[in-house]
Amino acid sequence: MAKAVFGGGCFWCLDAVFRRVKGVRDVVVGYAGGRRPNPNYEQVCTGVTGHAEVVEIDFDENIISYDELLDIFFEIHDPTQLNRQGNDVGTQYRSIILYLDETQKEKALKKIEELKNRGINVVTEVKKLDKFYKAEEYHQNYFAKNPYQPYCAYVVAPKVNKFLKRFNEYSKS
C-alpha cells in the first residue's frame, strides 16, 4: 500500500471521486500544509491556520500508479485557480500536492511541467507533507451520506460524473 495526499478545493469532492478509483483502498479527509497543530474545521475555514482541505489516499500501486492518480487529480479540479475552486474561496481550497518522498515530488513536478508545456497555467503548490490531521468524522465520506444536500448535488456530483466519463476505465463500478 502507498499513500498520496492532494488538495483541490473542498475535500468532499476529492473524497467522492477517489473512493471510486480502482486500487484505492481508503480515503480520509483532513487538513495539511499549514502551521497550526490539531486544527478543526472552523479554524481551517478562517484561512489563518495555513492548512488546506486535503485527502489522504491509500492505494495499491499494483492496480493504480501515483502518476495515474495525478492524472485524475488534475482533471477533476481546476489547477489554474489560485486559492479557490469555483465559489469556494480561500487558501484552504488551494490546489496542493503534499508529497511523501522525492519520487512523488519529482512525478508531481514533471506532471505540472507537462501541463504548463500544453499552455495550462498551473498554480498547484508542491510541498513536503509535514503532518496530516484527520478531519471530523462527519466530513468522512460526506457525499455518500448526503447526496441530496445542495452542495453535493450541484458541486460534488458533477465532479464525480466528470471522473466517470473521463476515467471510466479506472472506476470500481
C-alpha atoms as a PDB file:
ATOM      1  CA  MET A   1       0.000   0.000   0.000  1.00  0.00           C
ATOM      2  CA  ALA A   2       1.113   3.540  -0.768  1.00  0.00           C
ATOM      3  CA  LYS A   3      -0.248   6.950   0.150  1.00  0.00           C
ATOM      4  CA  ALA A   4      -0.921  10.156  -1.765  1.00  0.00           C
ATOM      5  CA  VAL A   5      -2.116  13.485  -0.340  1.00  0.00           C
ATOM      6  CA  PHE A   6      -3.894  16.026  -2.557  1.00  0.00           C
ATOM      7  CA  GLY A   7      -5.912  19.173  -2.046  1.00  0.00           C
ATOM      8  CA  GLY A   8      -8.043  20.729  -4.756  1.00  0.00           C
ATOM      9  CA  GLY A   9     -10.967  22.647  -3.343  1.00  0.00           C
ATOM     10  CA  CYS A  10     -13.485  21.203  -0.941  1.00  0.00           C
ATOM     11  CA  PHE A  11     -12.306  17.833   0.302  1.00  0.00           C
ATOM     12  CA  TRP A  12     -15.766  16.343  -0.168  1.00  0.00           C
ATOM     13  CA  CYS A  13     -15.215  16.462  -3.956  1.00  0.00           C
ATOM     14  CA  LEU A  14     -11.852  14.702  -3.967  1.00  0.00           C
ATOM     15  CA  ASP A  15     -13.093  12.185  -1.413  1.00  0.00           C
ATOM     16  CA  ALA A  16     -16.126  11.281  -3.519  1.00  0.00           C
ATOM     17  CA  VAL A  17     -14.033  10.807  -6.664  1.00  0.00           C
ATOM     18  CA  PHE A  18     -11.076   8.901  -5.248  1.00  0.00           C
ATOM     19  CA  ARG A  19     -13.344   6.473  -3.359  1.00  0.00           C
ATOM     20  CA  ARG A  20     -14.481   5.312  -6.809  1.00  0.00           C
ATOM     21  CA  VAL A  21     -10.993   4.640  -8.181  1.00  0.00           C
ATOM     22  CA  LYS A  22      -9.829   1.044  -8.690  1.00  0.00           C
ATOM     23  CA  GLY A  23      -6.900   0.292  -6.433  1.00  0.00           C
ATOM     24  CA  VAL A  24      -7.829   2.914  -3.858  1.00  0.00           C
ATOM     25  CA  ARG A  25      -8.319   1.121  -0.557  1.00  0.00           C
ATOM     26  CA  ASP A  26      -9.254   4.101   1.614  1.00  0.00           C
ATOM     27  CA  VAL A  27      -9.681   7.862   1.522  1.00  0.00           C
ATOM     28  CA  VAL A  28      -9.503  10.038   4.621  1.00  0.00           C
ATOM     29  CA  VAL A  29     -10.338  13.741   4.511  1.00  0.00           C
ATOM     30  CA  GLY A  30      -8.305  16.110   6.598  1.00  0.00           C
ATOM     31  CA  TYR A  31      -6.101  19.141   6.835  1.00  0.00           C
ATOM     32  CA  ALA A  32      -2.437  19.620   5.926  1.00  0.00           C
ATOM     33  CA  GLY A  33       0.081  22.085   4.606  1.00  0.00           C
ATOM     34  CA  GLY A  34      -0.252  24.645   7.374  1.00  0.00           C
ATOM     35  CA  ARG A  35       1.187  25.674  10.697  1.00  0.00           C
ATOM     36  CA  ARG A  36      -1.411  25.105  13.412  1.00  0.00           C
ATOM     37  CA  PRO A  37      -1.285  21.752  15.208  1.00  0.00           C
ATOM     38  CA  ASN A  38      -4.549  19.800  15.544  1.00  0.00           C
ATOM     39  CA  PRO A  39      -6.770  22.203  13.600  1.00  0.00           C
ATOM     40  CA  ASN A  40     -10.520  21.821  13.388  1.00  0.00           C
ATOM     41  CA  TYR A  41     -12.863  22.665  10.533  1.00  0.00           C
ATOM     42  CA  GLU A  42     -13.887  26.054  11.882  1.00  0.00           C
ATOM     43  CA  GLN A  43     -10.241  27.104  12.300  1.00  0.00           C
ATOM     44  CA  VAL A  44      -9.255  25.905   8.830  1.00  0.00           C
ATOM     45  CA  CYS A  45     -12.213  27.764   7.294  1.00  0.00           C
ATOM     46  CA  THR A  46     -10.852  31.073   8.620  1.00  0.00           C
ATOM     47  CA  GLY A  47      -7.739  30.648   6.476  1.00  0.00           C
ATOM     48  CA  VAL A  48      -5.391  31.591   9.332  1.00  0.00           C
ATOM     49  CA  THR A  49      -4.095  28.050  10.008  1.00  0.00           C
ATOM     50  CA  GLY A  50      -2.400  27.792   6.625  1.00  0.00           C
ATOM     51  CA  HIS A  51      -3.901  24.329   6.150  1.00  0.00           C
ATOM     52  CA  ALA A  52      -5.687  23.161   3.036  1.00  0.00           C
ATOM     53  CA  GLU A  53      -8.596  20.744   2.900  1.00  0.00           C
ATOM     54  CA  VAL A  54      -6.975  17.554   1.604  1.00  0.00           C
ATOM     55  CA  VAL A  55      -7.490  13.851   1.087  1.00  0.00           C
ATOM     56  CA  GLU A  56      -5.112  11.116   2.140  1.00  0.00           C
ATOM     57  CA  ILE A  57      -5.421   8.251  -0.314  1.00  0.00           C
ATOM     58  CA  ASP A  58      -4.283   4.701   0.462  1.00  0.00           C
ATOM     59  CA  PHE A  59      -3.770   2.886  -2.817  1.00  0.00           C
ATOM     60  CA  ASP A  60      -2.364  -0.329  -4.244  1.00  0.00           C
ATOM     61  CA  GLU A  61       0.453   0.514  -6.658  1.00  0.00           C
ATOM     62  CA  ASN A  62      -0.071  -2.851  -8.379  1.00  0.00           C
ATOM     63  CA  ILE A  63      -3.501  -1.633  -9.508  1.00  0.00           C
ATOM     64  CA  ILE A  64      -3.096   2.137  -9.956  1.00  0.00           C
ATOM     65  CA  SER A  65       0.023   4.254 -10.096  1.00  0.00           C
ATOM     66  CA  TYR A  66       0.788   7.577  -8.470  1.00  0.00           C
ATOM     67  CA  ASP A  67       1.035   9.037 -11.994  1.00  0.00           C
ATOM     68  CA  GLU A  68      -2.491   7.864 -12.778  1.00  0.00           C
ATOM     69  CA  LEU A  69      -3.753   9.386  -9.531  1.00  0.00           C
ATOM     70  CA  LEU A  70      -2.099  12.656 -10.574  1.00  0.00           C
ATOM     71  CA  ASP A  71      -3.890  12.489 -13.939  1.00  0.00           C
ATOM     72  CA  ILE A  72      -7.231  12.096 -12.171  1.00  0.00           C
ATOM     73  CA  PHE A  73      -6.406  14.855  -9.662  1.00  0.00           C
ATOM     74  CA  PHE A  74      -5.548  17.385 -12.358  1.00  0.00           C
ATOM     75  CA  GLU A  75      -8.660  16.520 -14.373  1.00  0.00           C
ATOM     76  CA  ILE A  76     -11.249  16.773 -11.602  1.00  0.00           C
ATOM     77  CA  HIS A  77     -10.268  20.185 -10.258  1.00  0.00           C
ATOM     78  CA  ASP A  78      -9.041  23.426 -11.812  1.00  0.00           C
ATOM     79  CA  PRO A  79      -5.316  23.745 -11.051  1.00  0.00           C
ATOM     80  CA  THR A  80      -5.222  27.240 -12.565  1.00  0.00           C
ATOM     81  CA  GLN A  81      -7.314  28.889  -9.836  1.00  0.00           C
ATOM     82  CA  LEU A  82      -5.225  30.391  -7.047  1.00  0.00           C
ATOM     83  CA  ASN A  83      -6.635  29.825  -3.550  1.00  0.00           C
ATOM     84  CA  ARG A  84     -10.063  28.796  -4.759  1.00  0.00           C
ATOM     85  CA  GLN A  85     -12.197  26.320  -6.651  1.00  0.00           C
ATOM     86  CA  GLY A  86     -15.231  27.972  -8.163  1.00  0.00           C
ATOM     87  CA  ASN A  87     -17.204  29.689  -5.411  1.00  0.00           C
ATOM     88  CA  ASP A  88     -15.070  28.129  -2.659  1.00  0.00           C
ATOM     89  CA  VAL A  89     -12.559  30.888  -1.935  1.00  0.00           C
ATOM     90  CA  GLY A  90      -9.639  30.888   0.474  1.00  0.00           C
ATOM     91  CA  THR A  91      -6.224  29.347   0.949  1.00  0.00           C
ATOM     92  CA  GLN A  92      -7.865  26.276   2.459  1.00  0.00           C
ATOM     93  CA  TYR A  93      -9.206  25.486  -1.035  1.00  0.00           C
ATOM     94  CA  ARG A  94      -5.888  25.836  -2.855  1.00  0.00           C
ATOM     95  CA  SER A  95      -4.553  23.272  -5.262  1.00  0.00           C
ATOM     96  CA  ILE A  96      -1.781  21.405  -3.457  1.00  0.00           C
ATOM     97  CA  ILE A  97       0.163  18.171  -3.717  1.00  0.00           C
ATOM     98  CA  LEU A  98       1.790  17.088  -0.474  1.00  0.00           C
ATOM     99  CA  TYR A  99       4.479  14.588  -1.371  1.00  0.00           C
ATOM    100  CA  LEU A 100       5.740  11.859   0.918  1.00  0.00           C
ATOM    101  CA  ASP A 101       9.081  11.215  -0.789  1.00  0.00           C
ATOM    102  CA  GLU A 102      11.355  12.545  -3.522  1.00  0.00           C
ATOM    103  CA  THR A 103       9.844  10.241  -6.143  1.00  0.00           C
ATOM    104  CA  GLN A 104       6.379  11.697  -5.589  1.00  0.00           C
ATOM    105  CA  LYS A 105       7.843  15.199  -5.676  1.00  0.00           C
ATOM    106  CA  GLU A 106       9.580  14.540  -8.998  1.00  0.00           C
ATOM    107  CA  LYS A 107       6.449  12.999 -10.528  1.00  0.00           C
ATOM    108  CA  ALA A 108       4.276  15.910  -9.390  1.00  0.00           C
ATOM    109  CA  LEU A 109       6.700  18.497 -10.747  1.00  0.00           C
ATOM    110  CA  LYS A 110       7.013  16.590 -14.032  1.00  0.00           C
ATOM    111  CA  LYS A 111       3.208  16.444 -14.430  1.00  0.00           C
ATOM    112  CA  ILE A 112       2.922  20.182 -13.738  1.00  0.00           C
ATOM    113  CA  GLU A 113       5.648  20.898 -16.289  1.00  0.00           C
ATOM    114  CA  GLU A 114       3.786  18.780 -18.877  1.00  0.00           C
ATOM    115  CA  LEU A 115       0.600  20.759 -18.249  1.00  0.00           C
ATOM    116  CA  LYS A 116       2.445  24.080 -18.471  1.00  0.00           C
ATOM    117  CA  ASN A 117       4.016  22.965 -21.763  1.00  0.00           C
ATOM    118  CA  ARG A 118       0.441  22.490 -23.039  1.00  0.00           C
ATOM    119  CA  GLY A 119      -0.325  26.105 -22.136  1.00  0.00           C
ATOM    120  CA  ILE A 120      -2.098  25.436 -18.846  1.00  0.00           C
ATOM    121  CA  ASN A 121      -1.154  27.984 -16.175  1.00  0.00           C
ATOM    122  CA  VAL A 122      -0.916  25.583 -13.223  1.00  0.00           C
ATOM    123  CA  VAL A 123      -0.677  27.206  -9.775  1.00  0.00           C
ATOM    124  CA  THR A 124      -0.656  23.950  -7.801  1.00  0.00           C
ATOM    125  CA  GLU A 125       1.620  24.085  -4.782  1.00  0.00           C
ATOM    126  CA  VAL A 126       4.002  21.158  -4.310  1.00  0.00           C
ATOM    127  CA  LYS A 127       5.148  20.743  -0.736  1.00  0.00           C
ATOM    128  CA  LYS A 128       6.521  18.015   1.517  1.00  0.00           C
ATOM    129  CA  LEU A 129       3.877  16.607   3.833  1.00  0.00           C
ATOM    130  CA  ASP A 130       4.711  17.593   7.374  1.00  0.00           C
ATOM    131  CA  LYS A 131       1.639  16.312   9.193  1.00  0.00           C
ATOM    132  CA  PHE A 132      -1.822  15.148   8.164  1.00  0.00           C
ATOM    133  CA  TYR A 133      -4.707  15.866  10.538  1.00  0.00           C
ATOM    134  CA  LYS A 134      -7.850  13.796  10.091  1.00  0.00           C
ATOM    135  CA  ALA A 135     -10.991  15.914   9.749  1.00  0.00           C
ATOM    136  CA  GLU A 136     -14.038  15.478  11.924  1.00  0.00           C
ATOM    137  CA  GLU A 137     -15.979  12.257  11.417  1.00  0.00           C
ATOM    138  CA  TYR A 138     -18.998  13.945   9.821  1.00  0.00           C
ATOM    139  CA  HIS A 139     -16.765  15.015   6.891  1.00  0.00           C
ATOM    140  CA  GLN A 140     -15.645  11.443   6.120  1.00  0.00           C
ATOM    141  CA  ASN A 141     -17.402  10.011   3.040  1.00  0.00           C
ATOM    142  CA  TYR A 142     -19.686  13.050   3.156  1.00  0.00           C
ATOM    143  CA  PHE A 143     -21.079  12.736  -0.367  1.00  0.00           C
ATOM    144  CA  ALA A 144     -22.260   9.153   0.163  1.00  0.00           C
ATOM    145  CA  LYS A 145     -24.022  10.195   3.367  1.00  0.00           C
ATOM    146  CA  ASN A 146     -25.522  13.419   1.935  1.00  0.00           C
ATOM    147  CA  PRO A 147     -26.027  13.043  -1.834  1.00  0.00           C
ATOM    148  CA  TYR A 148     -29.053  15.346  -1.926  1.00  0.00           C
ATOM    149  CA  GLN A 149     -27.524  18.144   0.111  1.00  0.00           C
ATOM    150  CA  PRO A 150     -27.406  21.116  -2.326  1.00  0.00           C
ATOM    151  CA  TYR A 151     -23.602  21.465  -2.365  1.00  0.00           C
ATOM    152  CA  CYS A 152     -23.263  17.754  -3.048  1.00  0.00           C
ATOM    153  CA  ALA A 153     -25.893  17.789  -5.792  1.00  0.00           C
ATOM    154  CA  TYR A 154     -24.531  20.864  -7.581  1.00  0.00           C
ATOM    155  CA  VAL A 155     -20.777  20.721  -6.945  1.00  0.00           C
ATOM    156  CA  VAL A 156     -19.673  17.233  -5.887  1.00  0.00           C
ATOM    157  CA  ALA A 157     -21.905  15.154  -8.185  1.00  0.00           C
ATOM    158  CA  PRO A 158     -20.702  16.881 -11.391  1.00  0.00           C
ATOM    159  CA  LYS A 159     -17.084  16.153 -10.433  1.00  0.00           C
ATOM    160  CA  VAL A 160     -17.924  12.508  -9.810  1.00  0.00           C
ATOM    161  CA  ASN A 161     -19.704  12.367 -13.183  1.00  0.00           C
ATOM    162  CA  LYS A 162     -16.723  14.013 -14.876  1.00  0.00           C
ATOM    163  CA  PHE A 163     -14.452  11.350 -13.402  1.00  0.00           C
ATOM    164  CA  LEU A 164     -16.766   8.545 -14.510  1.00  0.00           C
ATOM    165  CA  LYS A 165     -16.967   9.957 -18.031  1.00  0.00           C
ATOM    166  CA  ARG A 166     -13.263  10.787 -18.442  1.00  0.00           C
ATOM    167  CA  PHE A 167     -11.735   7.888 -16.455  1.00  0.00           C
ATOM    168  CA  ASN A 168     -14.300   5.124 -16.667  1.00  0.00           C
ATOM    169  CA  GLU A 169     -11.552   2.509 -17.009  1.00  0.00           C
ATOM    170  CA  TYR A 170     -10.340   3.458 -13.515  1.00  0.00           C
ATOM    171  CA  SER A 171     -13.790   3.221 -11.932  1.00  0.00           C
ATOM    172  CA  LYS A 172     -14.572   0.484  -9.428  1.00  0.00           C
ATOM    173  CA  SER A 173     -18.098   0.134 -10.829  1.00  0.00           C
END
